[in-house]
N, C-alpha and C. Protein backbone atom coordinates (compact mmCIF):
# COMPACT_ATOMS: atom_id res chain seq x y z
N MET A 1 158.01 147.39 175.89
CA MET A 1 158.56 148.75 175.97
C MET A 1 158.31 149.48 174.65
N ILE A 2 157.71 150.64 174.75
CA ILE A 2 157.59 151.57 173.62
C ILE A 2 158.43 152.78 173.99
N ASP A 3 159.49 152.99 173.25
CA ASP A 3 160.46 154.04 173.59
C ASP A 3 160.31 155.19 172.59
N LEU A 4 159.87 156.34 173.08
CA LEU A 4 159.53 157.45 172.20
C LEU A 4 160.56 158.58 172.22
N HIS A 5 161.79 158.25 172.61
CA HIS A 5 162.84 159.28 172.67
C HIS A 5 164.20 158.59 172.60
N THR A 6 164.78 158.54 171.39
CA THR A 6 166.11 157.94 171.21
C THR A 6 166.90 158.75 170.18
N HIS A 7 168.21 158.50 170.15
CA HIS A 7 169.10 159.25 169.26
C HIS A 7 170.02 158.32 168.48
N SER A 8 170.22 158.65 167.22
CA SER A 8 171.14 157.92 166.35
C SER A 8 172.34 158.82 166.04
N LEU A 9 173.23 158.33 165.17
CA LEU A 9 174.39 159.16 164.82
C LEU A 9 174.03 160.31 163.89
N LEU A 10 172.75 160.45 163.55
CA LEU A 10 172.32 161.66 162.85
C LEU A 10 172.38 162.89 163.76
N SER A 11 172.49 162.65 165.08
CA SER A 11 172.83 163.75 165.99
C SER A 11 173.97 163.27 166.88
N ASP A 12 173.73 163.02 168.16
CA ASP A 12 174.84 162.64 169.04
C ASP A 12 174.77 161.21 169.54
N GLY A 13 173.97 160.37 168.88
CA GLY A 13 173.96 158.96 169.22
C GLY A 13 175.11 158.21 168.58
N GLU A 14 175.27 156.95 168.97
CA GLU A 14 176.40 156.15 168.48
C GLU A 14 176.04 155.22 167.32
N LEU A 15 174.75 154.98 167.10
CA LEU A 15 174.34 153.95 166.15
C LEU A 15 173.64 154.52 164.93
N LEU A 16 173.79 153.83 163.81
CA LEU A 16 172.93 154.10 162.66
C LEU A 16 171.48 153.85 163.06
N PRO A 17 170.54 154.58 162.47
CA PRO A 17 169.14 154.35 162.81
C PRO A 17 168.71 152.89 162.67
N SER A 18 169.18 152.22 161.63
CA SER A 18 168.78 150.82 161.43
C SER A 18 169.32 149.91 162.53
N GLU A 19 170.54 150.17 162.99
CA GLU A 19 171.08 149.34 164.08
C GLU A 19 170.38 149.65 165.39
N LEU A 20 170.07 150.92 165.62
CA LEU A 20 169.33 151.29 166.82
C LEU A 20 167.99 150.55 166.86
N ALA A 21 167.29 150.53 165.74
CA ALA A 21 166.00 149.84 165.69
C ALA A 21 166.17 148.34 165.90
N ARG A 22 167.20 147.76 165.28
CA ARG A 22 167.42 146.31 165.42
C ARG A 22 167.75 145.94 166.86
N ARG A 23 168.59 146.74 167.50
CA ARG A 23 168.93 146.46 168.90
C ARG A 23 167.70 146.60 169.80
N ALA A 24 166.86 147.58 169.50
CA ALA A 24 165.62 147.73 170.28
C ALA A 24 164.73 146.51 170.11
N GLU A 25 164.64 146.02 168.88
CA GLU A 25 163.85 144.82 168.63
C GLU A 25 164.40 143.63 169.42
N ALA A 26 165.72 143.51 169.49
CA ALA A 26 166.34 142.43 170.24
C ALA A 26 166.07 142.54 171.74
N TYR A 27 165.78 143.75 172.21
CA TYR A 27 165.40 143.97 173.60
C TYR A 27 163.90 143.75 173.82
N ALA A 28 163.23 143.27 172.80
CA ALA A 28 161.78 143.00 172.86
C ALA A 28 160.96 144.28 172.92
N TYR A 29 161.50 145.37 172.39
CA TYR A 29 160.70 146.59 172.27
C TYR A 29 159.53 146.33 171.31
N ARG A 30 158.44 147.01 171.57
CA ARG A 30 157.29 146.94 170.67
C ARG A 30 157.36 148.00 169.58
N ALA A 31 158.02 149.11 169.85
CA ALA A 31 158.17 150.19 168.88
C ALA A 31 159.22 151.16 169.41
N ILE A 32 159.76 151.96 168.49
CA ILE A 32 160.77 152.95 168.88
C ILE A 32 160.59 154.20 168.03
N ALA A 33 160.82 155.35 168.62
CA ALA A 33 160.86 156.61 167.87
C ALA A 33 162.31 157.09 167.82
N ILE A 34 162.73 157.51 166.64
CA ILE A 34 164.05 158.11 166.50
C ILE A 34 163.85 159.62 166.49
N THR A 35 164.40 160.27 167.50
CA THR A 35 164.13 161.70 167.73
C THR A 35 165.44 162.45 167.90
N ASP A 36 166.19 162.54 166.83
CA ASP A 36 167.50 163.16 166.94
C ASP A 36 167.41 164.66 167.23
N HIS A 37 168.45 165.15 167.93
CA HIS A 37 168.51 166.55 168.31
C HIS A 37 168.50 167.46 167.08
N SER A 38 167.69 168.50 167.14
CA SER A 38 167.63 169.43 166.02
C SER A 38 167.39 170.85 166.50
N ASP A 39 167.91 171.78 165.71
CA ASP A 39 167.55 173.19 165.82
C ASP A 39 167.44 173.71 164.38
N ALA A 40 167.49 175.02 164.20
CA ALA A 40 167.31 175.58 162.86
C ALA A 40 168.41 175.15 161.90
N SER A 41 169.56 174.74 162.41
CA SER A 41 170.70 174.42 161.55
C SER A 41 170.57 173.08 160.85
N ASN A 42 169.80 172.14 161.43
CA ASN A 42 169.81 170.78 160.87
C ASN A 42 168.44 170.11 160.81
N ILE A 43 167.38 170.82 161.14
CA ILE A 43 166.08 170.16 161.28
C ILE A 43 165.62 169.51 159.98
N ASP A 44 165.83 170.18 158.85
CA ASP A 44 165.39 169.60 157.58
C ASP A 44 166.22 168.37 157.22
N PHE A 45 167.52 168.44 157.44
CA PHE A 45 168.43 167.32 157.18
C PHE A 45 168.04 166.10 158.02
N VAL A 46 167.85 166.30 159.33
CA VAL A 46 167.59 165.19 160.24
C VAL A 46 166.25 164.54 159.95
N ILE A 47 165.19 165.33 159.85
CA ILE A 47 163.87 164.75 159.66
C ILE A 47 163.79 164.01 158.32
N GLU A 48 164.34 164.60 157.27
CA GLU A 48 164.31 163.95 155.96
C GLU A 48 164.96 162.57 156.01
N ARG A 49 166.11 162.47 156.66
CA ARG A 49 166.84 161.21 156.68
C ARG A 49 166.21 160.18 157.62
N VAL A 50 165.65 160.64 158.73
CA VAL A 50 164.96 159.70 159.62
C VAL A 50 163.72 159.14 158.92
N ILE A 51 162.98 159.99 158.23
CA ILE A 51 161.81 159.51 157.48
C ILE A 51 162.24 158.50 156.43
N LYS A 52 163.34 158.77 155.74
CA LYS A 52 163.82 157.87 154.69
C LYS A 52 164.12 156.48 155.24
N VAL A 53 164.84 156.41 156.35
CA VAL A 53 165.19 155.10 156.88
C VAL A 53 163.98 154.40 157.46
N CYS A 54 163.06 155.15 158.06
CA CYS A 54 161.84 154.54 158.58
C CYS A 54 161.03 153.91 157.44
N ASN A 55 160.96 154.60 156.31
CA ASN A 55 160.24 154.05 155.16
C ASN A 55 160.92 152.80 154.62
N GLU A 56 162.24 152.84 154.56
CA GLU A 56 162.97 151.70 154.01
C GLU A 56 162.90 150.47 154.91
N LEU A 57 162.77 150.68 156.22
CA LEU A 57 162.72 149.56 157.16
C LEU A 57 161.30 149.12 157.49
N LYS A 58 160.31 149.80 156.94
CA LYS A 58 158.92 149.48 157.26
C LYS A 58 158.61 148.04 156.91
N GLY A 59 158.05 147.33 157.89
CA GLY A 59 157.67 145.95 157.69
C GLY A 59 158.77 144.94 157.94
N SER A 60 159.98 145.40 158.20
CA SER A 60 161.10 144.47 158.39
C SER A 60 161.43 144.23 159.86
N GLY A 61 160.72 144.87 160.76
CA GLY A 61 160.98 144.72 162.18
C GLY A 61 159.90 145.45 162.97
N ILE A 62 160.28 146.01 164.10
CA ILE A 62 159.33 146.75 164.90
C ILE A 62 159.01 148.09 164.23
N PRO A 63 157.85 148.68 164.55
CA PRO A 63 157.54 150.00 164.01
C PRO A 63 158.57 151.05 164.46
N ILE A 64 158.97 151.90 163.54
CA ILE A 64 159.90 153.00 163.84
C ILE A 64 159.20 154.30 163.51
N ILE A 65 159.13 155.19 164.47
CA ILE A 65 158.44 156.46 164.31
C ILE A 65 159.46 157.55 163.99
N PRO A 66 159.29 158.27 162.88
CA PRO A 66 160.20 159.38 162.59
C PRO A 66 159.82 160.61 163.41
N GLY A 67 160.74 161.02 164.27
CA GLY A 67 160.47 162.16 165.13
C GLY A 67 161.64 163.11 165.18
N VAL A 68 161.62 163.98 166.17
CA VAL A 68 162.67 164.96 166.35
C VAL A 68 162.65 165.43 167.80
N GLU A 69 163.81 165.77 168.32
CA GLU A 69 163.88 166.45 169.63
C GLU A 69 164.43 167.85 169.40
N LEU A 70 163.57 168.84 169.55
CA LEU A 70 163.98 170.23 169.43
C LEU A 70 164.76 170.59 170.68
N THR A 71 166.02 170.99 170.49
CA THR A 71 166.97 171.04 171.59
C THR A 71 167.60 172.42 171.73
N HIS A 72 167.50 172.98 172.94
CA HIS A 72 168.05 174.31 173.24
C HIS A 72 167.56 175.36 172.26
N ILE A 73 166.30 175.27 171.92
CA ILE A 73 165.67 176.29 171.07
C ILE A 73 165.28 177.47 171.96
N PRO A 74 165.58 178.71 171.58
CA PRO A 74 165.10 179.85 172.36
C PRO A 74 163.58 179.77 172.52
N PRO A 75 163.08 179.96 173.71
CA PRO A 75 161.64 179.77 173.94
C PRO A 75 160.74 180.50 172.95
N ARG A 76 161.12 181.69 172.54
CA ARG A 76 160.26 182.46 171.62
C ARG A 76 160.16 181.81 170.24
N GLN A 77 161.08 180.88 169.93
CA GLN A 77 161.10 180.23 168.62
C GLN A 77 160.49 178.83 168.63
N ILE A 78 160.13 178.33 169.80
CA ILE A 78 159.70 176.94 169.90
C ILE A 78 158.41 176.67 169.14
N GLU A 79 157.44 177.54 169.24
CA GLU A 79 156.18 177.30 168.53
C GLU A 79 156.41 177.19 167.03
N GLN A 80 157.20 178.09 166.49
CA GLN A 80 157.51 178.07 165.06
C GLN A 80 158.24 176.78 164.67
N MET A 81 159.16 176.32 165.52
CA MET A 81 159.93 175.12 165.21
C MET A 81 159.08 173.86 165.32
N VAL A 82 158.14 173.83 166.24
CA VAL A 82 157.23 172.69 166.34
C VAL A 82 156.41 172.59 165.05
N LYS A 83 155.91 173.71 164.60
CA LYS A 83 155.14 173.73 163.35
C LYS A 83 155.99 173.28 162.17
N LYS A 84 157.23 173.75 162.12
CA LYS A 84 158.12 173.39 161.02
C LYS A 84 158.42 171.90 161.04
N ALA A 85 158.65 171.35 162.23
CA ALA A 85 158.94 169.92 162.33
C ALA A 85 157.78 169.09 161.80
N ARG A 86 156.57 169.48 162.13
CA ARG A 86 155.41 168.74 161.64
C ARG A 86 155.26 168.91 160.13
N MET A 87 155.52 170.10 159.63
CA MET A 87 155.43 170.36 158.19
C MET A 87 156.43 169.50 157.42
N LEU A 88 157.62 169.28 158.02
CA LEU A 88 158.66 168.49 157.37
C LEU A 88 158.37 166.99 157.45
N GLY A 89 157.38 166.61 158.25
CA GLY A 89 156.98 165.21 158.29
C GLY A 89 157.26 164.46 159.57
N ALA A 90 157.75 165.13 160.61
CA ALA A 90 157.96 164.46 161.89
C ALA A 90 156.62 164.02 162.46
N LYS A 91 156.51 162.74 162.78
CA LYS A 91 155.28 162.21 163.36
C LYS A 91 155.20 162.43 164.86
N LEU A 92 156.35 162.68 165.47
CA LEU A 92 156.42 162.87 166.92
C LEU A 92 157.38 164.02 167.21
N VAL A 93 156.90 165.03 167.93
CA VAL A 93 157.75 166.17 168.26
C VAL A 93 157.99 166.19 169.76
N VAL A 94 159.25 166.03 170.11
CA VAL A 94 159.71 166.09 171.50
C VAL A 94 160.47 167.40 171.67
N VAL A 95 160.29 168.06 172.80
CA VAL A 95 161.08 169.25 173.11
C VAL A 95 161.95 168.96 174.32
N HIS A 96 163.21 169.31 174.21
CA HIS A 96 164.21 169.14 175.27
C HIS A 96 163.88 170.10 176.41
N GLY A 97 163.39 169.54 177.50
CA GLY A 97 162.91 170.36 178.60
C GLY A 97 164.01 170.88 179.52
N GLU A 98 163.57 171.53 180.60
CA GLU A 98 164.47 172.24 181.50
C GLU A 98 165.11 171.30 182.53
N THR A 99 165.83 170.29 182.01
CA THR A 99 166.58 169.39 182.87
C THR A 99 167.47 170.17 183.84
N ILE A 100 167.68 169.59 185.02
CA ILE A 100 168.49 170.29 186.02
C ILE A 100 169.98 170.15 185.77
N VAL A 101 170.38 169.37 184.76
CA VAL A 101 171.82 169.15 184.52
C VAL A 101 172.33 169.85 183.27
N GLU A 102 171.52 170.68 182.66
CA GLU A 102 171.96 171.47 181.51
C GLU A 102 171.40 172.88 181.62
N PRO A 103 172.06 173.87 181.00
CA PRO A 103 171.59 175.26 181.10
C PRO A 103 170.50 175.58 180.07
N VAL A 104 169.40 174.85 180.14
CA VAL A 104 168.29 175.10 179.23
C VAL A 104 167.65 176.44 179.59
N ALA A 105 167.27 177.20 178.59
CA ALA A 105 166.73 178.55 178.83
C ALA A 105 165.44 178.48 179.65
N PRO A 106 165.33 179.29 180.69
CA PRO A 106 164.07 179.36 181.43
C PRO A 106 162.92 179.74 180.50
N GLY A 107 161.79 179.12 180.73
CA GLY A 107 160.64 179.37 179.87
C GLY A 107 160.47 178.33 178.78
N THR A 108 161.46 177.43 178.63
CA THR A 108 161.38 176.39 177.61
C THR A 108 160.20 175.46 177.86
N ASN A 109 160.01 175.03 179.12
CA ASN A 109 158.90 174.13 179.42
C ASN A 109 157.57 174.75 179.01
N ARG A 110 157.34 175.98 179.42
CA ARG A 110 156.06 176.65 179.14
C ARG A 110 155.87 176.81 177.63
N ALA A 111 156.92 177.21 176.92
CA ALA A 111 156.81 177.42 175.48
C ALA A 111 156.50 176.11 174.75
N ALA A 112 157.14 175.02 175.18
CA ALA A 112 156.89 173.72 174.55
C ALA A 112 155.46 173.26 174.75
N ILE A 113 154.95 173.49 175.94
CA ILE A 113 153.56 173.10 176.23
C ILE A 113 152.60 173.95 175.41
N ASN A 114 152.81 175.23 175.40
CA ASN A 114 151.94 176.11 174.61
C ASN A 114 151.99 175.79 173.12
N ALA A 115 153.14 175.31 172.66
CA ALA A 115 153.30 174.98 171.24
C ALA A 115 152.65 173.66 170.87
N GLY A 116 152.23 172.89 171.87
CA GLY A 116 151.58 171.62 171.59
C GLY A 116 152.52 170.50 171.21
N ALA A 117 153.73 170.51 171.76
CA ALA A 117 154.63 169.38 171.54
C ALA A 117 153.97 168.10 172.04
N ASP A 118 154.35 166.98 171.47
CA ASP A 118 153.79 165.71 171.92
C ASP A 118 154.32 165.32 173.29
N ILE A 119 155.63 165.50 173.47
CA ILE A 119 156.29 165.11 174.72
C ILE A 119 157.25 166.22 175.14
N LEU A 120 157.19 166.58 176.42
CA LEU A 120 158.18 167.47 177.00
C LEU A 120 159.17 166.57 177.74
N ALA A 121 160.37 166.46 177.17
CA ALA A 121 161.37 165.55 177.71
C ALA A 121 162.00 166.12 178.98
N HIS A 122 162.31 165.21 179.90
CA HIS A 122 163.01 165.55 181.15
C HIS A 122 162.80 167.01 181.56
N PRO A 123 161.59 167.35 182.02
CA PRO A 123 161.26 168.76 182.29
C PRO A 123 161.80 169.29 183.61
N GLY A 124 162.66 168.53 184.29
CA GLY A 124 163.31 169.04 185.49
C GLY A 124 162.33 169.37 186.60
N LEU A 125 162.56 170.50 187.25
CA LEU A 125 161.70 170.92 188.36
C LEU A 125 160.53 171.74 187.80
N ILE A 126 159.76 171.10 186.96
CA ILE A 126 158.65 171.78 186.31
C ILE A 126 157.70 172.38 187.35
N SER A 127 157.22 173.58 187.07
CA SER A 127 156.34 174.26 188.02
C SER A 127 154.95 173.66 188.02
N GLU A 128 154.22 173.91 189.09
CA GLU A 128 152.83 173.45 189.16
C GLU A 128 152.00 174.09 188.07
N GLU A 129 152.26 175.35 187.78
CA GLU A 129 151.51 176.06 186.74
C GLU A 129 151.72 175.40 185.38
N ASP A 130 152.97 175.05 185.08
CA ASP A 130 153.25 174.41 183.80
C ASP A 130 152.68 173.00 183.74
N ALA A 131 152.69 172.30 184.87
CA ALA A 131 152.09 170.96 184.90
C ALA A 131 150.59 171.04 184.64
N LYS A 132 149.93 172.00 185.24
CA LYS A 132 148.49 172.19 185.00
C LYS A 132 148.24 172.47 183.52
N LEU A 133 149.07 173.31 182.92
CA LEU A 133 148.93 173.65 181.51
C LEU A 133 149.14 172.42 180.63
N ALA A 134 150.11 171.59 181.00
CA ALA A 134 150.36 170.37 180.24
C ALA A 134 149.15 169.45 180.26
N ALA A 135 148.50 169.36 181.41
CA ALA A 135 147.28 168.55 181.51
C ALA A 135 146.19 169.11 180.60
N GLU A 136 146.03 170.42 180.61
CA GLU A 136 144.99 171.06 179.79
C GLU A 136 145.25 170.85 178.30
N LYS A 137 146.52 170.88 177.90
CA LYS A 137 146.86 170.81 176.47
C LYS A 137 147.26 169.40 176.03
N SER A 138 147.12 168.42 176.92
CA SER A 138 147.42 167.02 176.59
C SER A 138 148.85 166.82 176.11
N VAL A 139 149.78 167.54 176.71
CA VAL A 139 151.20 167.34 176.45
C VAL A 139 151.73 166.35 177.48
N HIS A 140 152.41 165.31 177.03
CA HIS A 140 152.92 164.28 177.93
C HIS A 140 154.24 164.75 178.55
N LEU A 141 154.40 164.46 179.83
CA LEU A 141 155.65 164.71 180.53
C LEU A 141 156.44 163.42 180.62
N GLU A 142 157.75 163.54 180.48
CA GLU A 142 158.61 162.36 180.40
C GLU A 142 159.28 162.03 181.71
N LEU A 143 159.16 160.75 182.10
CA LEU A 143 160.09 160.15 183.05
C LEU A 143 161.19 159.53 182.20
N THR A 144 162.41 159.59 182.67
CA THR A 144 163.53 159.18 181.82
C THR A 144 164.48 158.23 182.52
N ALA A 145 165.05 157.33 181.73
CA ALA A 145 166.09 156.44 182.22
C ALA A 145 167.47 157.07 182.11
N ARG A 146 167.55 158.25 181.51
CA ARG A 146 168.84 158.87 181.20
C ARG A 146 169.54 159.40 182.45
N LYS A 147 170.81 159.02 182.60
CA LYS A 147 171.60 159.49 183.73
C LYS A 147 171.61 161.01 183.78
N GLY A 148 171.47 161.57 184.95
CA GLY A 148 171.44 163.03 185.10
C GLY A 148 170.04 163.56 184.97
N HIS A 149 169.46 163.41 183.79
CA HIS A 149 168.09 163.88 183.58
C HIS A 149 167.11 163.20 184.55
N SER A 150 167.41 161.96 184.92
CA SER A 150 166.50 161.19 185.76
C SER A 150 166.47 161.66 187.21
N LEU A 151 167.37 162.55 187.58
CA LEU A 151 167.42 163.01 188.97
C LEU A 151 166.14 163.69 189.42
N SER A 152 165.38 164.23 188.47
CA SER A 152 164.14 164.91 188.84
C SER A 152 162.89 164.08 188.53
N ASN A 153 163.06 162.78 188.26
CA ASN A 153 161.90 161.94 187.97
C ASN A 153 160.86 161.97 189.08
N GLY A 154 161.32 161.95 190.33
CA GLY A 154 160.39 161.96 191.46
C GLY A 154 159.52 163.19 191.46
N HIS A 155 160.11 164.34 191.19
CA HIS A 155 159.35 165.59 191.15
C HIS A 155 158.36 165.57 190.00
N VAL A 156 158.82 165.14 188.82
CA VAL A 156 157.94 165.09 187.65
C VAL A 156 156.76 164.16 187.92
N ALA A 157 157.02 163.01 188.52
CA ALA A 157 155.95 162.06 188.84
C ALA A 157 154.96 162.66 189.83
N MET A 158 155.47 163.35 190.84
CA MET A 158 154.61 163.91 191.87
C MET A 158 153.66 164.96 191.30
N VAL A 159 154.19 165.92 190.54
CA VAL A 159 153.31 166.98 190.03
C VAL A 159 152.40 166.45 188.93
N SER A 160 152.86 165.47 188.19
CA SER A 160 152.01 164.89 187.14
C SER A 160 150.80 164.21 187.74
N LYS A 161 151.02 163.45 188.80
CA LYS A 161 149.88 162.79 189.45
C LYS A 161 148.95 163.81 190.10
N ARG A 162 149.52 164.84 190.67
CA ARG A 162 148.70 165.84 191.35
C ARG A 162 147.76 166.55 190.39
N PHE A 163 148.23 166.81 189.17
CA PHE A 163 147.44 167.60 188.24
C PHE A 163 146.92 166.80 187.05
N GLY A 164 147.06 165.50 187.11
CA GLY A 164 146.46 164.66 186.06
C GLY A 164 147.16 164.76 184.72
N VAL A 165 148.48 164.94 184.73
CA VAL A 165 149.23 165.00 183.48
C VAL A 165 149.59 163.59 183.03
N LYS A 166 149.44 163.31 181.76
CA LYS A 166 149.84 162.01 181.24
C LYS A 166 151.36 161.94 181.16
N MET A 167 151.90 160.81 181.61
CA MET A 167 153.35 160.59 181.59
C MET A 167 153.71 159.49 180.62
N VAL A 168 154.94 159.54 180.12
CA VAL A 168 155.54 158.44 179.38
C VAL A 168 156.93 158.19 179.97
N LEU A 169 157.43 156.98 179.74
CA LEU A 169 158.79 156.65 180.16
C LEU A 169 159.62 156.37 178.92
N ASN A 170 160.73 157.08 178.76
CA ASN A 170 161.63 156.91 177.63
C ASN A 170 163.06 156.74 178.13
N THR A 171 163.92 156.28 177.23
CA THR A 171 165.32 156.08 177.62
C THR A 171 166.23 157.25 177.26
N ASP A 172 165.85 158.04 176.24
CA ASP A 172 166.77 159.05 175.72
C ASP A 172 168.08 158.38 175.33
N SER A 173 167.98 157.21 174.71
CA SER A 173 169.17 156.42 174.39
C SER A 173 170.10 157.13 173.42
N HIS A 174 171.39 157.04 173.73
CA HIS A 174 172.44 157.52 172.84
C HIS A 174 173.40 156.39 172.45
N SER A 175 173.39 155.31 173.21
CA SER A 175 174.29 154.19 172.95
C SER A 175 173.55 152.88 173.21
N PRO A 176 174.10 151.74 172.74
CA PRO A 176 173.41 150.46 172.93
C PRO A 176 173.10 150.16 174.39
N SER A 177 174.00 150.54 175.29
CA SER A 177 173.80 150.23 176.71
C SER A 177 172.67 151.02 177.34
N ASP A 178 172.14 152.03 176.64
CA ASP A 178 171.06 152.84 177.20
C ASP A 178 169.69 152.17 177.04
N LEU A 179 169.56 151.22 176.14
CA LEU A 179 168.30 150.53 175.96
C LEU A 179 168.00 149.68 177.20
N ILE A 180 166.73 149.53 177.54
CA ILE A 180 166.38 148.86 178.79
C ILE A 180 165.30 147.82 178.57
N SER A 181 165.20 146.91 179.51
CA SER A 181 164.14 145.90 179.50
C SER A 181 162.86 146.48 180.10
N SER A 182 161.77 145.78 179.90
CA SER A 182 160.50 146.21 180.50
C SER A 182 160.58 146.18 182.01
N GLU A 183 161.31 145.22 182.56
CA GLU A 183 161.44 145.15 184.02
C GLU A 183 162.22 146.35 184.55
N MET A 184 163.27 146.75 183.85
CA MET A 184 163.99 147.95 184.29
C MET A 184 163.10 149.18 184.17
N ALA A 185 162.30 149.25 183.13
CA ALA A 185 161.36 150.37 183.00
C ALA A 185 160.43 150.42 184.20
N ARG A 186 159.92 149.27 184.61
CA ARG A 186 159.04 149.22 185.78
C ARG A 186 159.77 149.71 187.03
N ARG A 187 161.01 149.31 187.20
CA ARG A 187 161.77 149.72 188.39
C ARG A 187 162.00 151.23 188.40
N ILE A 188 162.22 151.81 187.24
CA ILE A 188 162.41 153.26 187.17
C ILE A 188 161.14 153.98 187.60
N VAL A 189 160.01 153.49 187.15
CA VAL A 189 158.73 154.09 187.54
C VAL A 189 158.50 153.94 189.04
N ILE A 190 158.73 152.76 189.58
CA ILE A 190 158.57 152.55 191.02
C ILE A 190 159.55 153.42 191.79
N GLY A 191 160.76 153.55 191.27
CA GLY A 191 161.77 154.37 191.93
C GLY A 191 161.42 155.85 191.96
N ALA A 192 160.53 156.27 191.06
CA ALA A 192 160.08 157.66 191.05
C ALA A 192 158.93 157.89 192.03
N GLY A 193 158.59 156.85 192.81
CA GLY A 193 157.54 156.99 193.81
C GLY A 193 156.16 156.62 193.31
N LEU A 194 156.09 155.94 192.17
CA LEU A 194 154.81 155.56 191.59
C LEU A 194 154.52 154.09 191.86
N THR A 195 153.41 153.60 191.34
CA THR A 195 152.94 152.25 191.62
C THR A 195 152.94 151.40 190.35
N ASP A 196 152.69 150.12 190.53
CA ASP A 196 152.55 149.24 189.36
C ASP A 196 151.37 149.67 188.49
N GLU A 197 150.31 150.16 189.11
CA GLU A 197 149.18 150.65 188.33
C GLU A 197 149.58 151.87 187.52
N ASP A 198 150.38 152.74 188.11
CA ASP A 198 150.90 153.89 187.35
C ASP A 198 151.76 153.41 186.18
N PHE A 199 152.56 152.37 186.39
CA PHE A 199 153.39 151.83 185.33
C PHE A 199 152.53 151.33 184.17
N ARG A 200 151.46 150.65 184.49
CA ARG A 200 150.57 150.18 183.43
C ARG A 200 149.92 151.34 182.69
N ARG A 201 149.56 152.37 183.43
CA ARG A 201 148.94 153.54 182.81
C ARG A 201 149.94 154.27 181.90
N ILE A 202 151.17 154.37 182.34
CA ILE A 202 152.21 155.00 181.52
C ILE A 202 152.41 154.21 180.23
N GLY A 203 152.36 152.90 180.32
CA GLY A 203 152.46 152.08 179.12
C GLY A 203 151.30 152.31 178.17
N LYS A 204 150.10 152.48 178.72
CA LYS A 204 148.93 152.75 177.88
C LYS A 204 149.04 154.11 177.21
N ASN A 205 149.63 155.08 177.92
CA ASN A 205 149.83 156.40 177.31
C ASN A 205 150.73 156.29 176.08
N ALA A 206 151.78 155.50 176.20
CA ALA A 206 152.68 155.30 175.05
C ALA A 206 151.96 154.59 173.91
N GLU A 207 151.12 153.63 174.25
CA GLU A 207 150.34 152.93 173.22
C GLU A 207 149.43 153.88 172.47
N GLU A 208 148.80 154.80 173.21
CA GLU A 208 147.90 155.77 172.58
C GLU A 208 148.67 156.67 171.60
N ILE A 209 149.86 157.10 172.00
CA ILE A 209 150.67 157.92 171.08
C ILE A 209 151.04 157.10 169.86
N LEU A 210 151.43 155.85 170.07
CA LEU A 210 151.82 154.99 168.95
C LEU A 210 150.67 154.83 167.96
N GLU A 211 149.48 154.57 168.47
CA GLU A 211 148.31 154.42 167.59
C GLU A 211 148.03 155.68 166.80
N LYS A 212 148.27 156.83 167.42
CA LYS A 212 148.01 158.11 166.80
C LYS A 212 148.97 158.40 165.64
N VAL A 213 150.22 158.00 165.79
CA VAL A 213 151.24 158.39 164.81
C VAL A 213 151.49 157.35 163.73
N LEU A 214 151.06 156.11 163.94
CA LEU A 214 151.30 155.09 162.92
C LEU A 214 150.27 155.17 161.80
């Protein structure tokens, strides 16, 4: 399991980044990204501290990727915030997509794709037009293990396959119980209407991102 979307107590998670990484290692994860929620109020604080702990833990366990999840950003500001996150040193930029269980601003999915985010998290009932754009711009769409957000996994899987969008599977972990085994990851993918071959391909997509950012 390569998990590219998790949260520590630097935002709304329950664990210190180091404990989150250690627990992921105990679950036989191959790598983890710490992508705490950020907007203009805390982006510099969060990225700086995630980078610091990633550097301090380097070589002591599984690879840890310093990232960020831009959350409830007004669509018109997303491109600027993606650029700022990269300038501050985030190796992975995730944007909090238009999940069906939160009042995310309409247009967030399109803005995140146009901004070149690495991953559009839980994009909800993403439109065919936005899925096509994601394929063109090589933005990955997320299948998620997260309660609530996962309700639209089937739709995300369907449009992604139709338009050739690369998918990843993440947990969006906020607590220790959110981490999952590789077998549970496979079941989530199958439950979204996909196949074992799709599961292997999703794993390769995560590997490609990992190689790019390490």
